[in-house]
Amino acid sequence: MRSVLADDERDGDEPTALADLTAFQRDLLWALSHENARKGTALKADLAAYYSDEINHSRLYQNLDTLVECDLVAKQARDRRTNEYSLTETARRALEARRAWQAEGDAA
């Protein structure tokens, strides 16, 4: 996987900041961008509603772990049984770059 932190563009496509992520991973970031510091179960419910389908528990947490490894999501213990997830500053910048890229396409 290429670095999700790169600022360059690939063939005029989406900036590589988020381009190497799966759509599901980008949807997780998008869900976190609306309300930060969320439990995995809340994210799972939001995505299940969006996809109109049940979200597999392992799919959710494997993808959250990947985003943690990419420094896009921070994981903290809320209590002894529950973790909460929030966007990192890196993810906030990457989402803003994506919004700017999309706005350029809308203006064309």
PDB file of N, CA and C in Angstrom:
ATOM      1  N   MET A   1       0.850  -1.176   0.000  1.00  0.00           N
ATOM      2  CA  MET A   1       0.000   0.000   0.000  1.00  0.00           C
ATOM      3  C   MET A   1       0.891   1.233   0.000  1.00  0.00           C
ATOM      4  N   ARG A   2       0.580   2.166  -0.887  1.00  0.00           N
ATOM      5  CA  ARG A   2       1.300   3.435  -0.878  1.00  0.00           C
ATOM      6  C   ARG A   2       0.941   4.196   0.370  1.00  0.00           C
ATOM      7  N   SER A   3       1.791   5.113   0.718  1.00  0.00           N
ATOM      8  CA  SER A   3       1.521   5.927   1.892  1.00  0.00           C
ATOM      9  C   SER A   3       0.234   6.719   1.709  1.00  0.00           C
ATOM     10  N   VAL A   4      -0.597   6.737   2.725  1.00  0.00           N
ATOM     11  CA  VAL A   4      -1.824   7.525   2.659  1.00  0.00           C
ATOM     12  C   VAL A   4      -1.531   8.986   2.954  1.00  0.00           C
ATOM     13  N   LEU A   5      -0.278   9.313   3.202  1.00  0.00           N
ATOM     14  CA  LEU A   5       0.083  10.671   3.551  1.00  0.00           C
ATOM     15  C   LEU A   5       0.629  11.467   2.378  1.00  0.00           C
ATOM     16  N   ALA A   6       0.812  10.823   1.237  1.00  0.00           N
ATOM     17  CA  ALA A   6       1.384  11.513   0.083  1.00  0.00           C
ATOM     18  C   ALA A   6       0.464  12.623  -0.399  1.00  0.00           C
ATOM     19  N   ASP A   7       1.055  13.741  -0.868  1.00  0.00           N
ATOM     20  CA  ASP A   7       0.271  14.875  -1.338  1.00  0.00           C
ATOM     21  C   ASP A   7       0.123  14.900  -2.854  1.00  0.00           C
ATOM     22  N   ASP A   8       0.893  14.091  -3.557  1.00  0.00           N
ATOM     23  CA  ASP A   8       0.847  14.141  -5.019  1.00  0.00           C
ATOM     24  C   ASP A   8      -0.439  13.527  -5.549  1.00  0.00           C
ATOM     25  N   GLU A   9      -0.731  13.812  -6.821  1.00  0.00           N
ATOM     26  CA  GLU A   9      -1.911  13.249  -7.458  1.00  0.00           C
ATOM     27  C   GLU A   9      -1.476  12.204  -8.463  1.00  0.00           C
ATOM     28  N   ARG A  10      -2.371  11.290  -8.761  1.00  0.00           N
ATOM     29  CA  ARG A  10      -2.094  10.201  -9.670  1.00  0.00           C
ATOM     30  C   ARG A  10      -2.953  10.367 -10.904  1.00  0.00           C
ATOM     31  N   ASP A  11      -2.339  10.687 -12.051  1.00  0.00           N
ATOM     32  CA  ASP A  11      -3.051  10.796 -13.323  1.00  0.00           C
ATOM     33  C   ASP A  11      -4.299  11.674 -13.228  1.00  0.00           C
ATOM     34  N   GLY A  12      -4.250  12.742 -12.450  1.00  0.00           N
ATOM     35  CA  GLY A  12      -5.390  13.630 -12.335  1.00  0.00           C
ATOM     36  C   GLY A  12      -6.525  13.067 -11.492  1.00  0.00           C
ATOM     37  N   ASP A  13      -6.316  11.913 -10.904  1.00  0.00           N
ATOM     38  CA  ASP A  13      -7.343  11.303 -10.071  1.00  0.00           C
ATOM     39  C   ASP A  13      -7.273  11.864  -8.661  1.00  0.00           C
ATOM     40  N   GLU A  14      -8.026  11.237  -7.775  1.00  0.00           N
ATOM     41  CA  GLU A  14      -8.077  11.632  -6.374  1.00  0.00           C
ATOM     42  C   GLU A  14      -6.668  11.709  -5.779  1.00  0.00           C
ATOM     43  N   PRO A  15      -6.391  12.708  -4.960  1.00  0.00           N
ATOM     44  CA  PRO A  15      -5.094  12.738  -4.281  1.00  0.00           C
ATOM     45  C   PRO A  15      -4.874  11.436  -3.533  1.00  0.00           C
ATOM     46  N   THR A  16      -3.641  10.974  -3.493  1.00  0.00           N
ATOM     47  CA  THR A  16      -3.356   9.671  -2.906  1.00  0.00           C
ATOM     48  C   THR A  16      -3.523   9.641  -1.403  1.00  0.00           C
ATOM     49  N   ALA A  17      -3.839  10.762  -0.773  1.00  0.00           N
ATOM     50  CA  ALA A  17      -4.037  10.767   0.669  1.00  0.00           C
ATOM     51  C   ALA A  17      -5.073   9.728   1.080  1.00  0.00           C
ATOM     52  N   LEU A  18      -6.124   9.551   0.325  1.00  0.00           N
ATOM     53  CA  LEU A  18      -7.139   8.553   0.644  1.00  0.00           C
ATOM     54  C   LEU A  18      -7.338   7.540  -0.475  1.00  0.00           C
ATOM     55  N   ALA A  19      -6.670   7.729  -1.585  1.00  0.00           N
ATOM     56  CA  ALA A  19      -6.908   6.904  -2.772  1.00  0.00           C
ATOM     57  C   ALA A  19      -6.586   5.433  -2.560  1.00  0.00           C
ATOM     58  N   ASP A  20      -5.652   5.119  -1.692  1.00  0.00           N
ATOM     59  CA  ASP A  20      -5.273   3.734  -1.497  1.00  0.00           C
ATOM     60  C   ASP A  20      -6.133   3.007  -0.473  1.00  0.00           C
ATOM     61  N   LEU A  21      -7.072   3.716   0.128  1.00  0.00           N
ATOM     62  CA  LEU A  21      -7.986   3.088   1.074  1.00  0.00           C
ATOM     63  C   LEU A  21      -9.158   2.465   0.321  1.00  0.00           C
ATOM     64  N   THR A  22      -9.807   1.521   0.966  1.00  0.00           N
ATOM     65  CA  THR A  22     -11.023   0.963   0.377  1.00  0.00           C
ATOM     66  C   THR A  22     -12.171   1.949   0.589  1.00  0.00           C
ATOM     67  N   ALA A  23     -13.222   1.779  -0.170  1.00  0.00           N
ATOM     68  CA  ALA A  23     -14.410   2.627   0.007  1.00  0.00           C
ATOM     69  C   ALA A  23     -14.956   2.477   1.423  1.00  0.00           C
ATOM     70  N   PHE A  24     -14.937   1.276   1.958  1.00  0.00           N
ATOM     71  CA  PHE A  24     -15.418   1.041   3.318  1.00  0.00           C
ATOM     72  C   PHE A  24     -14.577   1.821   4.332  1.00  0.00           C
ATOM     73  N   GLN A  25     -13.268   1.832   4.148  1.00  0.00           N
ATOM     74  CA  GLN A  25     -12.397   2.585   5.048  1.00  0.00           C
ATOM     75  C   GLN A  25     -12.669   4.082   4.946  1.00  0.00           C
ATOM     76  N   ARG A  26     -12.877   4.580   3.723  1.00  0.00           N
ATOM     77  CA  ARG A  26     -13.220   6.000   3.564  1.00  0.00           C
ATOM     78  C   ARG A  26     -14.565   6.302   4.215  1.00  0.00           C
ATOM     79  N   ASP A  27     -15.509   5.370   4.126  1.00  0.00           N
ATOM     80  CA  ASP A  27     -16.805   5.567   4.771  1.00  0.00           C
ATOM     81  C   ASP A  27     -16.658   5.616   6.292  1.00  0.00           C
ATOM     82  N   LEU A  28     -15.761   4.821   6.845  1.00  0.00           N
ATOM     83  CA  LEU A  28     -15.494   4.886   8.280  1.00  0.00           C
ATOM     84  C   LEU A  28     -14.954   6.265   8.670  1.00  0.00           C
ATOM     85  N   LEU A  29     -14.018   6.772   7.887  1.00  0.00           N
ATOM     86  CA  LEU A  29     -13.477   8.106   8.162  1.00  0.00           C
ATOM     87  C   LEU A  29     -14.570   9.157   8.056  1.00  0.00           C
ATOM     88  N   TRP A  30     -15.404   9.041   7.043  1.00  0.00           N
ATOM     89  CA  TRP A  30     -16.494   9.996   6.851  1.00  0.00           C
ATOM     90  C   TRP A  30     -17.437   9.973   8.061  1.00  0.00           C
ATOM     91  N   ALA A  31     -17.784   8.775   8.529  1.00  0.00           N
ATOM     92  CA  ALA A  31     -18.669   8.656   9.688  1.00  0.00           C
ATOM     93  C   ALA A  31     -18.037   9.293  10.925  1.00  0.00           C
ATOM     94  N   LEU A  32     -16.744   9.119  11.091  1.00  0.00           N
ATOM     95  CA  LEU A  32     -16.051   9.732  12.234  1.00  0.00           C
ATOM     96  C   LEU A  32     -15.935  11.236  12.089  1.00  0.00           C
ATOM     97  N   SER A  33     -15.968  11.737  10.880  1.00  0.00           N
ATOM     98  CA  SER A  33     -15.810  13.180  10.681  1.00  0.00           C
ATOM     99  C   SER A  33     -17.044  13.952  11.152  1.00  0.00           C
ATOM    100  N   HIS A  34     -18.178  13.280  11.274  1.00  0.00           N
ATOM    101  CA  HIS A  34     -19.410  13.942  11.703  1.00  0.00           C
ATOM    102  C   HIS A  34     -19.544  13.996  13.215  1.00  0.00           C
ATOM    103  N   GLU A  35     -19.063  12.979  13.865  1.00  0.00           N
ATOM    104  CA  GLU A  35     -19.143  12.917  15.323  1.00  0.00           C
ATOM    105  C   GLU A  35     -17.923  12.144  15.796  1.00  0.00           C
ATOM    106  N   ASN A  36     -17.008  12.827  16.421  1.00  0.00           N
ATOM    107  CA  ASN A  36     -15.746  12.220  16.815  1.00  0.00           C
ATOM    108  C   ASN A  36     -15.894  11.438  18.116  1.00  0.00           C
ATOM    109  N   ALA A  37     -14.918  10.601  18.404  1.00  0.00           N
ATOM    110  CA  ALA A  37     -14.867   9.779  19.614  1.00  0.00           C
ATOM    111  C   ALA A  37     -16.107   8.891  19.715  1.00  0.00           C
ATOM    112  N   ARG A  38     -16.186   7.948  18.801  1.00  0.00           N
ATOM    113  CA  ARG A  38     -17.344   7.057  18.735  1.00  0.00           C
ATOM    114  C   ARG A  38     -16.959   5.626  19.036  1.00  0.00           C
ATOM    115  N   LYS A  39     -17.889   4.910  19.587  1.00  0.00           N
ATOM    116  CA  LYS A  39     -17.698   3.482  19.827  1.00  0.00           C
ATOM    117  C   LYS A  39     -17.857   2.735  18.505  1.00  0.00           C
ATOM    118  N   GLY A  40     -17.203   1.579  18.423  1.00  0.00           N
ATOM    119  CA  GLY A  40     -17.313   0.757  17.232  1.00  0.00           C
ATOM    120  C   GLY A  40     -18.739   0.353  16.930  1.00  0.00           C
ATOM    121  N   THR A  41     -19.534   0.082  17.975  1.00  0.00           N
ATOM    122  CA  THR A  41     -20.924  -0.329  17.747  1.00  0.00           C
ATOM    123  C   THR A  41     -21.737   0.801  17.116  1.00  0.00           C
ATOM    124  N   ALA A  42     -21.458   2.045  17.466  1.00  0.00           N
ATOM    125  CA  ALA A  42     -22.164   3.179  16.854  1.00  0.00           C
ATOM    126  C   ALA A  42     -21.767   3.318  15.388  1.00  0.00           C
ATOM    127  N   LEU A  43     -20.485   3.145  15.096  1.00  0.00           N
ATOM    128  CA  LEU A  43     -20.028   3.186  13.702  1.00  0.00           C
ATOM    129  C   LEU A  43     -20.668   2.060  12.896  1.00  0.00           C
ATOM    130  N   LYS A  44     -20.723   0.881  13.503  1.00  0.00           N
ATOM    131  CA  LYS A  44     -21.320  -0.276  12.841  1.00  0.00           C
ATOM    132  C   LYS A  44     -22.784  -0.005  12.495  1.00  0.00           C
ATOM    133  N   ALA A  45     -23.520   0.586  13.417  1.00  0.00           N
ATOM    134  CA  ALA A  45     -24.932   0.900  13.169  1.00  0.00           C
ATOM    135  C   ALA A  45     -25.092   1.926  12.050  1.00  0.00           C
ATOM    136  N   ASP A  46     -24.261   2.972  12.064  1.00  0.00           N
ATOM    137  CA  ASP A  46     -24.322   3.986  11.008  1.00  0.00           C
ATOM    138  C   ASP A  46     -24.045   3.384   9.638  1.00  0.00           C
ATOM    139  N   LEU A  47     -23.008   2.571   9.558  1.00  0.00           N
ATOM    140  CA  LEU A  47     -22.652   1.985   8.266  1.00  0.00           C
ATOM    141  C   LEU A  47     -23.680   0.956   7.815  1.00  0.00           C
ATOM    142  N   ALA A  48     -24.261   0.222   8.748  1.00  0.00           N
ATOM    143  CA  ALA A  48     -25.310  -0.738   8.390  1.00  0.00           C
ATOM    144  C   ALA A  48     -26.507   0.000   7.796  1.00  0.00           C
ATOM    145  N   ALA A  49     -26.840   1.153   8.359  1.00  0.00           N
ATOM    146  CA  ALA A  49     -27.946   1.951   7.818  1.00  0.00           C
ATOM    147  C   ALA A  49     -27.589   2.485   6.432  1.00  0.00           C
ATOM    148  N   TYR A  50     -26.357   2.939   6.266  1.00  0.00           N
ATOM    149  CA  TYR A  50     -25.923   3.480   4.978  1.00  0.00           C
ATOM    150  C   TYR A  50     -25.916   2.395   3.893  1.00  0.00           C
ATOM    151  N   TYR A  51     -25.358   1.234   4.225  1.00  0.00           N
ATOM    152  CA  TYR A  51     -25.258   0.147   3.256  1.00  0.00           C
ATOM    153  C   TYR A  51     -26.546  -0.667   3.142  1.00  0.00           C
ATOM    154  N   SER A  52     -27.503  -0.416   4.019  1.00  0.00           N
ATOM    155  CA  SER A  52     -28.750  -1.188   4.060  1.00  0.00           C
ATOM    156  C   SER A  52     -28.459  -2.678   4.182  1.00  0.00           C
ATOM    157  N   ASP A  53     -27.469  -2.991   4.989  1.00  0.00           N
ATOM    158  CA  ASP A  53     -27.060  -4.380   5.180  1.00  0.00           C
ATOM    159  C   ASP A  53     -26.299  -4.481   6.496  1.00  0.00           C
ATOM    160  N   GLU A  54     -26.328  -5.646   7.093  1.00  0.00           N
ATOM    161  CA  GLU A  54     -25.599  -5.875   8.334  1.00  0.00           C
ATOM    162  C   GLU A  54     -24.099  -5.798   8.069  1.00  0.00           C
ATOM    163  N   ILE A  55     -23.371  -5.174   8.967  1.00  0.00           N
ATOM    164  CA  ILE A  55     -21.914  -5.073   8.855  1.00  0.00           C
ATOM    165  C   ILE A  55     -21.294  -6.141   9.744  1.00  0.00           C
ATOM    166  N   ASN A  56     -20.447  -6.956   9.150  1.00  0.00           N
ATOM    167  CA  ASN A  56     -19.765  -8.013   9.883  1.00  0.00           C
ATOM    168  C   ASN A  56     -18.827  -7.405  10.922  1.00  0.00           C
ATOM    169  N   HIS A  57     -18.905  -7.924  12.138  1.00  0.00           N
ATOM    170  CA  HIS A  57     -18.100  -7.436  13.259  1.00  0.00           C
ATOM    171  C   HIS A  57     -16.603  -7.428  12.923  1.00  0.00           C
ATOM    172  N   SER A  58     -16.108  -8.530  12.390  1.00  0.00           N
ATOM    173  CA  SER A  58     -14.670  -8.602  12.106  1.00  0.00           C
ATOM    174  C   SER A  58     -14.271  -7.648  10.985  1.00  0.00           C
ATOM    175  N   ARG A  59     -15.148  -7.452  10.002  1.00  0.00           N
ATOM    176  CA  ARG A  59     -14.854  -6.498   8.919  1.00  0.00           C
ATOM    177  C   ARG A  59     -14.670  -5.097   9.490  1.00  0.00           C
ATOM    178  N   LEU A  60     -15.573  -4.703  10.367  1.00  0.00           N
ATOM    179  CA  LEU A  60     -15.500  -3.380  10.977  1.00  0.00           C
ATOM    180  C   LEU A  60     -14.193  -3.191  11.727  1.00  0.00           C
ATOM    181  N   TYR A  61     -13.895  -4.099  12.637  1.00  0.00           N
ATOM    182  CA  TYR A  61     -12.731  -3.903  13.505  1.00  0.00           C
ATOM    183  C   TYR A  61     -11.407  -4.124  12.785  1.00  0.00           C
ATOM    184  N   GLN A  62     -11.355  -4.985  11.781  1.00  0.00           N
ATOM    185  CA  GLN A  62     -10.130  -5.129  10.984  1.00  0.00           C
ATOM    186  C   GLN A  62      -9.841  -3.838  10.226  1.00  0.00           C
ATOM    187  N   ASN A  63     -10.881  -3.223   9.686  1.00  0.00           N
ATOM    188  CA  ASN A  63     -10.692  -1.976   8.953  1.00  0.00           C
ATOM    189  C   ASN A  63     -10.352  -0.821   9.894  1.00  0.00           C
ATOM    190  N   LEU A  64     -10.961  -0.773  11.061  1.00  0.00           N
ATOM    191  CA  LEU A  64     -10.575   0.246  12.039  1.00  0.00           C
ATOM    192  C   LEU A  64      -9.112   0.070  12.446  1.00  0.00           C
ATOM    193  N   ASP A  65      -8.685  -1.171  12.663  1.00  0.00           N
ATOM    194  CA  ASP A  65      -7.280  -1.417  13.017  1.00  0.00           C
ATOM    195  C   ASP A  65      -6.339  -0.963  11.908  1.00  0.00           C
ATOM    196  N   THR A  66      -6.728  -1.188  10.653  1.00  0.00           N
ATOM    197  CA  THR A  66      -5.915  -0.730   9.526  1.00  0.00           C
ATOM    198  C   THR A  66      -5.792   0.791   9.547  1.00  0.00           C
ATOM    199  N   LEU A  67      -6.887   1.476   9.807  1.00  0.00           N
ATOM    200  CA  LEU A  67      -6.864   2.941   9.859  1.00  0.00           C
ATOM    201  C   LEU A  67      -6.042   3.446  11.036  1.00  0.00           C
ATOM    202  N   VAL A  68      -6.037   2.713  12.133  1.00  0.00           N
ATOM    203  CA  VAL A  68      -5.174   3.054  13.271  1.00  0.00           C
ATOM    204  C   VAL A  68      -3.714   2.909  12.856  1.00  0.00           C
ATOM    205  N   GLU A  69      -3.380   1.806  12.176  1.00  0.00           N
ATOM    206  CA  GLU A  69      -2.005   1.576  11.715  1.00  0.00           C
ATOM    207  C   GLU A  69      -1.547   2.649  10.728  1.00  0.00           C
ATOM    208  N   CYS A  70      -2.464   3.199   9.948  1.00  0.00           N
ATOM    209  CA  CYS A  70      -2.152   4.251   8.968  1.00  0.00           C
ATOM    210  C   CYS A  70      -2.127   5.637   9.606  1.00  0.00           C
ATOM    211  N   ASP A  71      -2.321   5.718  10.911  1.00  0.00           N
ATOM    212  CA  ASP A  71      -2.362   6.987  11.644  1.00  0.00           C
ATOM    213  C   ASP A  71      -3.490   7.894  11.164  1.00  0.00           C
ATOM    214  N   LEU A  72      -4.602   7.287  10.792  1.00  0.00           N
ATOM    215  CA  LEU A  72      -5.765   8.062  10.396  1.00  0.00           C
ATOM    216  C   LEU A  72      -6.841   8.051  11.485  1.00  0.00           C
ATOM    217  N   VAL A  73      -6.790   7.051  12.342  1.00  0.00           N
ATOM    218  CA  VAL A  73      -7.742   6.915  13.442  1.00  0.00           C
ATOM    219  C   VAL A  73      -6.972   6.631  14.726  1.00  0.00           C
ATOM    220  N   ALA A  74      -7.405   7.278  15.795  1.00  0.00           N
ATOM    221  CA  ALA A  74      -6.848   7.020  17.125  1.00  0.00           C
ATOM    222  C   ALA A  74      -7.828   6.136  17.884  1.00  0.00           C
ATOM    223  N   LYS A  75      -7.292   5.174  18.591  1.00  0.00           N
ATOM    224  CA  LYS A  75      -8.099   4.230  19.365  1.00  0.00           C
ATOM    225  C   LYS A  75      -7.761   4.413  20.835  1.00  0.00           C
ATOM    226  N   GLN A  76      -8.783   4.633  21.645  1.00  0.00           N
ATOM    227  CA  GLN A  76      -8.571   4.813  23.078  1.00  0.00           C
ATOM    228  C   GLN A  76      -9.587   3.986  23.844  1.00  0.00           C
ATOM    229  N   ALA A  77      -9.198   3.539  25.010  1.00  0.00           N
ATOM    230  CA  ALA A  77     -10.129   2.810  25.877  1.00  0.00           C
ATOM    231  C   ALA A  77     -11.094   3.797  26.516  1.00  0.00           C
ATOM    232  N   ARG A  78     -12.378   3.558  26.332  1.00  0.00           N
ATOM    233  CA  ARG A  78     -13.408   4.375  26.978  1.00  0.00           C
ATOM    234  C   ARG A  78     -13.621   3.862  28.397  1.00  0.00           C
ATOM    235  N   ASP A  79     -13.649   2.554  28.540  1.00  0.00           N
ATOM    236  CA  ASP A  79     -13.694   1.882  29.832  1.00  0.00           C
ATOM    237  C   ASP A  79     -13.024   0.529  29.647  1.00  0.00           C
ATOM    238  N   ARG A  80     -13.161  -0.352  30.588  1.00  0.00           N
ATOM    239  CA  ARG A  80     -12.436  -1.631  30.488  1.00  0.00           C
ATOM    240  C   ARG A  80     -12.945  -2.526  29.362  1.00  0.00           C
ATOM    241  N   ARG A  81     -14.133  -2.274  28.872  1.00  0.00           N
ATOM    242  CA  ARG A  81     -14.714  -3.135  27.841  1.00  0.00           C
ATOM    243  C   ARG A  81     -14.898  -2.457  26.498  1.00  0.00           C
ATOM    244  N   THR A  82     -14.794  -1.157  26.457  1.00  0.00           N
ATOM    245  CA  THR A  82     -15.164  -0.426  25.249  1.00  0.00           C
ATOM    246  C   THR A  82     -14.052   0.498  24.787  1.00  0.00           C
ATOM    247  N   ASN A  83     -13.779   0.455  23.490  1.00  0.00           N
ATOM    248  CA  ASN A  83     -12.847   1.396  22.877  1.00  0.00           C
ATOM    249  C   ASN A  83     -13.649   2.464  22.151  1.00  0.00           C
ATOM    250  N   GLU A  84     -13.034   3.617  21.986  1.00  0.00           N
ATOM    251  CA  GLU A  84     -13.629   4.645  21.152  1.00  0.00           C
ATOM    252  C   GLU A  84     -12.609   5.064  20.114  1.00  0.00           C
ATOM    253  N   TYR A  85     -13.122   5.532  18.996  1.00  0.00           N
ATOM    254  CA  TYR A  85     -12.303   5.858  17.842  1.00  0.00           C
ATOM    255  C   TYR A  85     -12.521   7.311  17.468  1.00  0.00           C
ATOM    256  N   SER A  86     -11.437   7.963  17.063  1.00  0.00           N
ATOM    257  CA  SER A  86     -11.533   9.356  16.632  1.00  0.00           C
ATOM    258  C   SER A  86     -10.534   9.588  15.505  1.00  0.00           C
ATOM    259  N   LEU A  87     -10.801  10.617  14.718  1.00  0.00           N
ATOM    260  CA  LEU A  87      -9.906  10.973  13.621  1.00  0.00           C
ATOM    261  C   LEU A  87      -8.638  11.601  14.163  1.00  0.00           C
ATOM    262  N   THR A  88      -7.538  11.317  13.504  1.00  0.00           N
ATOM    263  CA  THR A  88      -6.292  12.006  13.812  1.00  0.00           C
ATOM    264  C   THR A  88      -6.238  13.290  12.981  1.00  0.00           C
ATOM    265  N   GLU A  89      -5.299  14.132  13.298  1.00  0.00           N
ATOM    266  CA  GLU A  89      -5.119  15.356  12.505  1.00  0.00           C
ATOM    267  C   GLU A  89      -4.751  14.996  11.066  1.00  0.00           C
ATOM    268  N   THR A  90      -3.997  13.927  10.887  1.00  0.00           N
ATOM    269  CA  THR A  90      -3.643  13.459   9.549  1.00  0.00           C
ATOM    270  C   THR A  90      -4.902  13.136   8.744  1.00  0.00           C
ATOM    271  N   ALA A  91      -5.854  12.471   9.371  1.00  0.00           N
ATOM    272  CA  ALA A  91      -7.099  12.124   8.689  1.00  0.00           C
ATOM    273  C   ALA A  91      -7.915  13.372   8.374  1.00  0.00           C
ATOM    274  N   ARG A  92      -7.940  14.308   9.287  1.00  0.00           N
ATOM    275  CA  ARG A  92      -8.684  15.552   9.040  1.00  0.00           C
ATOM    276  C   ARG A  92      -8.119  16.290   7.827  1.00  0.00           C
ATOM    277  N   ARG A  93      -6.789  16.358   7.730  1.00  0.00           N
ATOM    278  CA  ARG A  93      -6.161  17.008   6.580  1.00  0.00           C
ATOM    279  C   ARG A  93      -6.456  16.241   5.295  1.00  0.00           C
ATOM    280  N   ALA A  94      -6.405  14.912   5.373  1.00  0.00           N
ATOM    281  CA  ALA A  94      -6.664  14.087   4.191  1.00  0.00           C
ATOM    282  C   ALA A  94      -8.112  14.244   3.716  1.00  0.00           C
ATOM    283  N   LEU A  95      -9.060  14.293   4.642  1.00  0.00           N
ATOM    284  CA  LEU A  95     -10.456  14.489   4.260  1.00  0.00           C
ATOM    285  C   LEU A  95     -10.677  15.875   3.665  1.00  0.00           C
ATOM    286  N   GLU A  96      -9.998  16.869   4.204  1.00  0.00           N
ATOM    287  CA  GLU A  96     -10.115  18.223   3.646  1.00  0.00           C
ATOM    288  C   GLU A  96      -9.527  18.270   2.239  1.00  0.00           C
ATOM    289  N   ALA A  97      -8.415  17.588   2.020  1.00  0.00           N
ATOM    290  CA  ALA A  97      -7.823  17.531   0.679  1.00  0.00           C
ATOM    291  C   ALA A  97      -8.772  16.828  -0.292  1.00  0.00           C
ATOM    292  N   ARG A  98      -9.442  15.796   0.176  1.00  0.00           N
ATOM    293  CA  ARG A  98     -10.409  15.094  -0.681  1.00  0.00           C
ATOM    294  C   ARG A  98     -11.580  16.004  -1.017  1.00  0.00           C
ATOM    295  N   ARG A  99     -12.083  16.740  -0.031  1.00  0.00           N
ATOM    296  CA  ARG A  99     -13.191  17.666  -0.291  1.00  0.00           C
ATOM    297  C   ARG A  99     -12.781  18.718  -1.317  1.00  0.00           C
ATOM    298  N   ALA A 100     -11.559  19.232  -1.198  1.00  0.00           N
ATOM    299  CA  ALA A 100     -11.066  20.228  -2.156  1.00  0.00           C
ATOM    300  C   ALA A 100     -10.961  19.614  -3.551  1.00  0.00           C
ATOM    301  N   TRP A 101     -10.464  18.404  -3.629  1.00  0.00           N
ATOM    302  CA  TRP A 101     -10.340  17.691  -4.906  1.00  0.00           C
ATOM    303  C   TRP A 101     -11.720  17.487  -5.530  1.00  0.00           C
ATOM    304  N   GLN A 102     -12.701  17.098  -4.720  1.00  0.00           N
ATOM    305  CA  GLN A 102     -14.052  16.895  -5.222  1.00  0.00           C
ATOM    306  C   GLN A 102     -14.655  18.221  -5.691  1.00  0.00           C
ATOM    307  N   ALA A 103     -14.397  19.284  -4.949  1.00  0.00           N
ATOM    308  CA  ALA A 103     -14.926  20.599  -5.329  1.00  0.00           C
ATOM    309  C   ALA A 103     -14.355  21.052  -6.673  1.00  0.00           C
ATOM    310  N   GLU A 104     -13.079  20.748  -6.929  1.00  0.00           N
ATOM    311  CA  GLU A 104     -12.487  21.067  -8.224  1.00  0.00           C
ATOM    312  C   GLU A 104     -13.218  20.361  -9.350  1.00  0.00           C
ATOM    313  N   GLY A 105     -13.566  19.102  -9.119  1.00  0.00           N
ATOM    314  CA  GLY A 105     -14.289  18.332 -10.125  1.00  0.00           C
ATOM    315  C   GLY A 105     -15.693  18.862 -10.347  1.00  0.00           C
ATOM    316  N   ASP A 106     -16.324  19.335  -9.286  1.00  0.00           N
ATOM    317  CA  ASP A 106     -17.666  19.897  -9.395  1.00  0.00           C
ATOM    318  C   ASP A 106     -17.651  21.215 -10.160  1.00  0.00           C
ATOM    319  N   ALA A 107     -16.545  21.958 -10.032  1.00  0.00           N
ATOM    320  CA  ALA A 107     -16.443  23.261 -10.685  1.00  0.00           C
ATOM    321  C   ALA A 107     -16.128  23.134 -12.173  1.00  0.00           C
ATOM    322  N   ALA A 108     -15.593  22.005 -12.581  1.00  0.00           N
ATOM    323  CA  ALA A 108     -15.191  21.818 -13.981  1.00  0.00           C
ATOM    324  C   ALA A 108     -16.354  21.614 -14.908  1.00  0.00           C
TER     325      ALA A 108
END
